[in-house]
Amino acid sequence: MEVQTLDREELEKVALMAVCACNYYDLADNIDITTDEELWQIIDNRDAECENCKEQ
């Protein structure tokens, strides 16, 4: 797991860049209720195949 040294604003930006395009707007709409742990999971799994669209 990455060293968690990002502040919340930076963490949100990185997660939005890491999330699959098909989930971008869902995350953007719910970013304020998404936990730091969930954002880190998105970042840590950014290279995994998307369950929705099957893209990496």
Protein backbone atom coordinates (compact mmCIF):
# COMPACT_ATOMS: atom_id res chain seq x y z
CA MET A 1 0.00 0.00 0.00
CA GLU A 2 1.19 3.52 -0.73
CA VAL A 3 2.34 5.83 2.03
CA GLN A 4 -0.73 7.81 3.00
CA THR A 5 0.71 11.32 3.10
CA LEU A 6 -1.80 13.15 0.91
CA ASP A 7 -4.24 15.64 2.39
CA ARG A 8 -7.93 15.08 1.61
CA GLU A 9 -8.02 17.49 -1.35
CA GLU A 10 -5.00 15.85 -3.00
CA LEU A 11 -6.37 12.39 -2.24
CA GLU A 12 -9.65 13.25 -4.00
CA LYS A 13 -7.81 14.57 -7.07
CA VAL A 14 -5.63 11.48 -7.37
CA ALA A 15 -8.60 9.15 -6.93
CA LEU A 16 -10.55 11.00 -9.63
CA MET A 17 -7.60 10.58 -11.98
CA ALA A 18 -7.26 6.89 -11.08
CA VAL A 19 -10.89 5.82 -11.37
CA CYS A 20 -12.15 4.27 -14.61
CA ALA A 21 -13.93 6.70 -16.93
CA CYS A 22 -17.21 4.82 -16.54
CA ASN A 23 -17.13 5.48 -12.76
CA TYR A 24 -15.76 9.03 -12.84
CA TYR A 25 -19.04 10.93 -12.51
CA ASP A 26 -20.37 8.55 -9.85
CA LEU A 27 -17.26 9.18 -7.76
CA ALA A 28 -17.34 12.92 -8.46
CA ASP A 29 -20.98 13.09 -7.34
CA ASN A 30 -20.23 11.17 -4.13
CA ILE A 31 -16.70 12.31 -3.34
CA ASP A 32 -17.78 14.09 -0.15
CA ILE A 33 -19.21 10.90 1.39
CA THR A 34 -16.42 8.61 0.14
CA THR A 35 -14.01 7.67 2.92
CA ASP A 36 -10.26 8.15 2.72
CA GLU A 37 -9.90 4.36 2.84
CA GLU A 38 -12.21 3.97 -0.18
CA LEU A 39 -10.25 6.61 -2.10
CA TRP A 40 -6.99 4.78 -1.32
CA GLN A 41 -8.57 1.53 -2.57
CA ILE A 42 -9.43 3.24 -5.87
CA ILE A 43 -5.86 4.52 -6.18
CA ASP A 44 -4.30 1.18 -5.21
CA ASN A 45 -6.46 -0.67 -7.77
CA ARG A 46 -6.08 1.78 -10.64
CA ASP A 47 -4.41 -0.80 -12.88
CA ALA A 48 -7.03 -3.49 -12.28
CA GLU A 49 -9.64 -4.33 -14.91
CA CYS A 50 -12.89 -2.40 -14.42
CA GLU A 51 -15.75 -4.67 -13.36
CA ASN A 52 -18.26 -2.54 -15.30
CA CYS A 53 -16.67 -1.96 -18.68
CA LYS A 54 -13.78 -4.48 -18.55
CA GLU A 55 -11.19 -1.81 -19.41
CA GLN A 56 -7.96 -1.09 -17.56
